[in-house]
Amino acid sequence: VAALQDEKNSLMSENEIMNDRLEQLDESFDDPNTVVAKKYFSAQLQLEQLQEENFRLEAAKDDYRVHCEDLEKQLIELQHRNNELTSLAEESR
């Protein structure tokens, strides 16, 4: 029982130390002047910029897809027109 109580006291002491360290880390995270906070805010800003860039690129991709579909339709129409003109040219020869 004494050994278990010593182990319990040791674990409780270690738990308090860990909680104190956690509180210190939380406080340093809230302070915008710490290195950790600066890196966090920098990473967060970079993430937002990349998300905006991704959104812009997705929109551009959609625009190019629509443009490509239009060009494919024009190509098919021009191929049909070319075939018609080729057959008319052959007939006139």
N, C-alpha and C. Protein backbone atom coordinates (compact mmCIF):
# COMPACT_ATOMS: atom_id res chain seq x y z
N VAL A 1 0.84 -1.19 0.00
CA VAL A 1 0.00 0.00 0.00
C VAL A 1 0.88 1.25 0.00
N ALA A 2 1.93 1.22 0.81
CA ALA A 2 2.84 2.37 0.89
C ALA A 2 3.50 2.62 -0.47
N ALA A 3 3.89 1.57 -1.15
CA ALA A 3 4.52 1.70 -2.47
C ALA A 3 3.54 2.30 -3.46
N LEU A 4 2.29 1.87 -3.40
CA LEU A 4 1.27 2.42 -4.30
C LEU A 4 0.99 3.89 -3.99
N GLN A 5 0.99 4.24 -2.70
CA GLN A 5 0.78 5.64 -2.33
C GLN A 5 1.95 6.50 -2.81
N ASP A 6 3.18 5.98 -2.69
CA ASP A 6 4.34 6.71 -3.19
C ASP A 6 4.25 6.90 -4.71
N GLU A 7 3.86 5.84 -5.40
CA GLU A 7 3.71 5.93 -6.85
C GLU A 7 2.61 6.91 -7.22
N LYS A 8 1.50 6.88 -6.45
CA LYS A 8 0.39 7.82 -6.71
C LYS A 8 0.86 9.24 -6.50
N ASN A 9 1.58 9.49 -5.39
CA ASN A 9 2.10 10.84 -5.12
C ASN A 9 3.07 11.28 -6.22
N SER A 10 3.91 10.36 -6.66
CA SER A 10 4.86 10.67 -7.73
C SER A 10 4.12 11.02 -9.02
N LEU A 11 3.11 10.25 -9.35
CA LEU A 11 2.33 10.51 -10.57
C LEU A 11 1.55 11.82 -10.46
N MET A 12 1.03 12.11 -9.29
CA MET A 12 0.30 13.37 -9.10
C MET A 12 1.25 14.55 -9.24
N SER A 13 2.46 14.41 -8.69
CA SER A 13 3.46 15.46 -8.81
C SER A 13 3.85 15.66 -10.27
N GLU A 14 4.06 14.58 -10.99
CA GLU A 14 4.40 14.65 -12.41
C GLU A 14 3.25 15.26 -13.21
N ASN A 15 2.03 14.92 -12.85
CA ASN A 15 0.85 15.47 -13.50
C ASN A 15 0.79 16.98 -13.30
N GLU A 16 1.07 17.45 -12.09
CA GLU A 16 1.07 18.89 -11.82
C GLU A 16 2.14 19.61 -12.64
N ILE A 17 3.31 18.98 -12.73
CA ILE A 17 4.40 19.58 -13.52
C ILE A 17 3.98 19.67 -14.99
N MET A 18 3.39 18.62 -15.50
CA MET A 18 2.94 18.61 -16.90
C MET A 18 1.84 19.65 -17.13
N ASN A 19 0.93 19.78 -16.19
CA ASN A 19 -0.12 20.79 -16.31
C ASN A 19 0.46 22.19 -16.30
N ASP A 20 1.46 22.42 -15.45
CA ASP A 20 2.12 23.74 -15.43
C ASP A 20 2.80 24.03 -16.76
N ARG A 21 3.48 23.03 -17.31
CA ARG A 21 4.14 23.21 -18.61
C ARG A 21 3.11 23.48 -19.70
N LEU A 22 1.99 22.79 -19.63
CA LEU A 22 0.92 23.00 -20.61
C LEU A 22 0.37 24.41 -20.52
N GLU A 23 0.17 24.89 -19.31
CA GLU A 23 -0.32 26.26 -19.13
C GLU A 23 0.69 27.27 -19.66
N GLN A 24 1.98 27.01 -19.43
CA GLN A 24 3.01 27.92 -19.95
C GLN A 24 2.99 27.94 -21.48
N LEU A 25 2.83 26.77 -22.08
CA LEU A 25 2.76 26.71 -23.54
C LEU A 25 1.52 27.44 -24.06
N ASP A 26 0.40 27.27 -23.37
CA ASP A 26 -0.82 27.97 -23.78
C ASP A 26 -0.63 29.47 -23.68
N GLU A 27 0.01 29.92 -22.61
CA GLU A 27 0.25 31.35 -22.44
C GLU A 27 1.20 31.87 -23.51
N SER A 28 2.22 31.09 -23.84
CA SER A 28 3.17 31.54 -24.86
C SER A 28 2.51 31.57 -26.23
N PHE A 29 1.52 30.72 -26.41
CA PHE A 29 0.80 30.70 -27.68
C PHE A 29 -0.07 31.95 -27.82
N ASP A 30 -0.61 32.41 -26.72
CA ASP A 30 -1.47 33.60 -26.73
C ASP A 30 -0.66 34.88 -26.87
N ASP A 31 0.58 34.88 -26.44
CA ASP A 31 1.44 36.07 -26.52
C ASP A 31 1.98 36.17 -27.94
N PRO A 32 1.60 37.21 -28.68
CA PRO A 32 2.02 37.30 -30.08
C PRO A 32 3.51 37.59 -30.27
N ASN A 33 4.23 37.85 -29.20
CA ASN A 33 5.65 38.17 -29.32
C ASN A 33 6.57 36.96 -29.20
N THR A 34 6.02 35.81 -28.86
CA THR A 34 6.87 34.63 -28.71
C THR A 34 7.17 34.02 -30.08
N VAL A 35 8.24 33.27 -30.14
CA VAL A 35 8.66 32.65 -31.40
C VAL A 35 7.62 31.64 -31.87
N VAL A 36 7.08 30.88 -30.93
CA VAL A 36 6.07 29.87 -31.29
C VAL A 36 4.84 30.54 -31.89
N ALA A 37 4.40 31.62 -31.24
CA ALA A 37 3.21 32.32 -31.74
C ALA A 37 3.47 32.94 -33.10
N LYS A 38 4.66 33.50 -33.28
CA LYS A 38 4.99 34.10 -34.58
C LYS A 38 4.99 33.04 -35.67
N LYS A 39 5.58 31.89 -35.37
CA LYS A 39 5.59 30.81 -36.37
C LYS A 39 4.18 30.31 -36.65
N TYR A 40 3.38 30.21 -35.61
CA TYR A 40 2.00 29.76 -35.78
C TYR A 40 1.22 30.73 -36.66
N PHE A 41 1.31 32.04 -36.34
CA PHE A 41 0.57 33.02 -37.12
C PHE A 41 1.09 33.11 -38.54
N SER A 42 2.40 32.93 -38.71
CA SER A 42 2.98 32.92 -40.05
C SER A 42 2.46 31.72 -40.84
N ALA A 43 2.42 30.56 -40.20
CA ALA A 43 1.91 29.36 -40.87
C ALA A 43 0.42 29.51 -41.20
N GLN A 44 -0.31 30.13 -40.28
CA GLN A 44 -1.74 30.34 -40.51
C GLN A 44 -1.96 31.29 -41.69
N LEU A 45 -1.17 32.35 -41.76
CA LEU A 45 -1.27 33.30 -42.87
C LEU A 45 -0.92 32.61 -44.18
N GLN A 46 0.14 31.81 -44.16
CA GLN A 46 0.53 31.09 -45.36
C GLN A 46 -0.56 30.12 -45.80
N LEU A 47 -1.19 29.45 -44.85
CA LEU A 47 -2.28 28.54 -45.17
C LEU A 47 -3.43 29.29 -45.83
N GLU A 48 -3.79 30.44 -45.28
CA GLU A 48 -4.88 31.23 -45.87
C GLU A 48 -4.53 31.67 -47.28
N GLN A 49 -3.28 32.09 -47.49
CA GLN A 49 -2.85 32.51 -48.83
C GLN A 49 -2.90 31.35 -49.81
N LEU A 50 -2.47 30.18 -49.35
CA LEU A 50 -2.51 29.01 -50.23
C LEU A 50 -3.94 28.58 -50.54
N GLN A 51 -4.84 28.73 -49.57
CA GLN A 51 -6.24 28.40 -49.82
C GLN A 51 -6.83 29.36 -50.85
N GLU A 52 -6.49 30.65 -50.74
CA GLU A 52 -6.97 31.63 -51.72
C GLU A 52 -6.41 31.32 -53.10
N GLU A 53 -5.11 30.99 -53.16
CA GLU A 53 -4.48 30.64 -54.43
C GLU A 53 -5.13 29.39 -55.02
N ASN A 54 -5.41 28.42 -54.19
CA ASN A 54 -6.07 27.20 -54.64
C ASN A 54 -7.46 27.51 -55.20
N PHE A 55 -8.21 28.37 -54.52
CA PHE A 55 -9.53 28.76 -55.00
C PHE A 55 -9.43 29.46 -56.35
N ARG A 56 -8.44 30.36 -56.47
CA ARG A 56 -8.25 31.09 -57.73
C ARG A 56 -7.89 30.12 -58.85
N LEU A 57 -7.02 29.17 -58.57
CA LEU A 57 -6.61 28.21 -59.59
C LEU A 57 -7.76 27.27 -59.98
N GLU A 58 -8.59 26.90 -59.00
CA GLU A 58 -9.75 26.06 -59.32
C GLU A 58 -10.72 26.82 -60.23
N ALA A 59 -10.91 28.10 -59.95
CA ALA A 59 -11.79 28.90 -60.80
C ALA A 59 -11.22 29.03 -62.21
N ALA A 60 -9.90 29.24 -62.31
CA ALA A 60 -9.26 29.34 -63.62
C ALA A 60 -9.37 28.02 -64.37
N LYS A 61 -9.22 26.91 -63.64
CA LYS A 61 -9.33 25.59 -64.27
C LYS A 61 -10.73 25.40 -64.85
N ASP A 62 -11.75 25.82 -64.09
CA ASP A 62 -13.12 25.70 -64.58
C ASP A 62 -13.33 26.56 -65.82
N ASP A 63 -12.77 27.77 -65.80
CA ASP A 63 -12.88 28.66 -66.98
C ASP A 63 -12.21 28.02 -68.20
N TYR A 64 -11.02 27.45 -68.00
CA TYR A 64 -10.32 26.81 -69.12
C TYR A 64 -11.06 25.58 -69.62
N ARG A 65 -11.71 24.85 -68.71
CA ARG A 65 -12.48 23.68 -69.13
C ARG A 65 -13.63 24.11 -70.06
N VAL A 66 -14.34 25.17 -69.66
CA VAL A 66 -15.44 25.67 -70.49
C VAL A 66 -14.91 26.15 -71.83
N HIS A 67 -13.78 26.88 -71.80
CA HIS A 67 -13.19 27.38 -73.04
C HIS A 67 -12.76 26.21 -73.94
N CYS A 68 -12.19 25.18 -73.34
CA CYS A 68 -11.76 24.00 -74.10
C CYS A 68 -12.96 23.31 -74.74
N GLU A 69 -14.06 23.19 -74.01
CA GLU A 69 -15.26 22.58 -74.56
C GLU A 69 -15.79 23.38 -75.75
N ASP A 70 -15.75 24.72 -75.63
CA ASP A 70 -16.18 25.57 -76.75
C ASP A 70 -15.28 25.36 -77.96
N LEU A 71 -13.97 25.28 -77.72
CA LEU A 71 -13.04 25.08 -78.83
C LEU A 71 -13.24 23.71 -79.48
N GLU A 72 -13.55 22.70 -78.67
CA GLU A 72 -13.81 21.37 -79.24
C GLU A 72 -15.05 21.39 -80.12
N LYS A 73 -16.09 22.11 -79.68
CA LYS A 73 -17.30 22.23 -80.50
C LYS A 73 -16.99 22.95 -81.81
N GLN A 74 -16.21 24.02 -81.73
CA GLN A 74 -15.84 24.74 -82.94
C GLN A 74 -15.03 23.86 -83.88
N LEU A 75 -14.14 23.06 -83.31
CA LEU A 75 -13.32 22.16 -84.12
C LEU A 75 -14.20 21.15 -84.86
N ILE A 76 -15.16 20.58 -84.17
CA ILE A 76 -16.06 19.61 -84.80
C ILE A 76 -16.84 20.28 -85.92
N GLU A 77 -17.35 21.50 -85.66
CA GLU A 77 -18.10 22.23 -86.69
C GLU A 77 -17.21 22.53 -87.89
N LEU A 78 -15.97 22.96 -87.62
CA LEU A 78 -15.06 23.28 -88.72
C LEU A 78 -14.67 22.03 -89.50
N GLN A 79 -14.54 20.90 -88.82
CA GLN A 79 -14.23 19.65 -89.52
C GLN A 79 -15.39 19.25 -90.43
N HIS A 80 -16.62 19.40 -89.95
CA HIS A 80 -17.79 19.11 -90.79
C HIS A 80 -17.85 20.06 -91.98
N ARG A 81 -17.60 21.31 -91.71
CA ARG A 81 -17.62 22.30 -92.80
C ARG A 81 -16.52 22.00 -93.81
N ASN A 82 -15.36 21.61 -93.33
CA ASN A 82 -14.25 21.27 -94.22
C ASN A 82 -14.61 20.06 -95.08
N ASN A 83 -15.24 19.06 -94.44
CA ASN A 83 -15.66 17.88 -95.22
C ASN A 83 -16.67 18.26 -96.29
N GLU A 84 -17.61 19.14 -95.94
CA GLU A 84 -18.61 19.60 -96.92
C GLU A 84 -17.94 20.32 -98.06
N LEU A 85 -17.03 21.23 -97.72
CA LEU A 85 -16.35 22.00 -98.77
C LEU A 85 -15.45 21.10 -99.63
N THR A 86 -14.84 20.10 -99.00
CA THR A 86 -14.00 19.18 -99.76
C THR A 86 -14.86 18.37 -100.74
N SER A 87 -16.02 17.92 -100.29
CA SER A 87 -16.88 17.15 -101.21
C SER A 87 -17.42 18.06 -102.29
N LEU A 88 -17.76 19.31 -101.97
CA LEU A 88 -18.21 20.23 -103.02
C LEU A 88 -17.09 20.51 -104.03
N ALA A 89 -15.85 20.63 -103.54
CA ALA A 89 -14.72 20.87 -104.44
C ALA A 89 -14.52 19.67 -105.35
N GLU A 90 -14.67 18.48 -104.82
CA GLU A 90 -14.52 17.27 -105.64
C GLU A 90 -15.62 17.18 -106.69
N GLU A 91 -16.84 17.54 -106.30
CA GLU A 91 -17.96 17.52 -107.24
C GLU A 91 -17.74 18.53 -108.37
N SER A 92 -17.24 19.70 -108.03
CA SER A 92 -17.05 20.72 -109.05
C SER A 92 -15.91 20.37 -109.99
N ARG A 93 -14.94 19.55 -109.52
CA ARG A 93 -13.86 19.12 -110.41
C ARG A 93 -14.43 18.17 -111.44
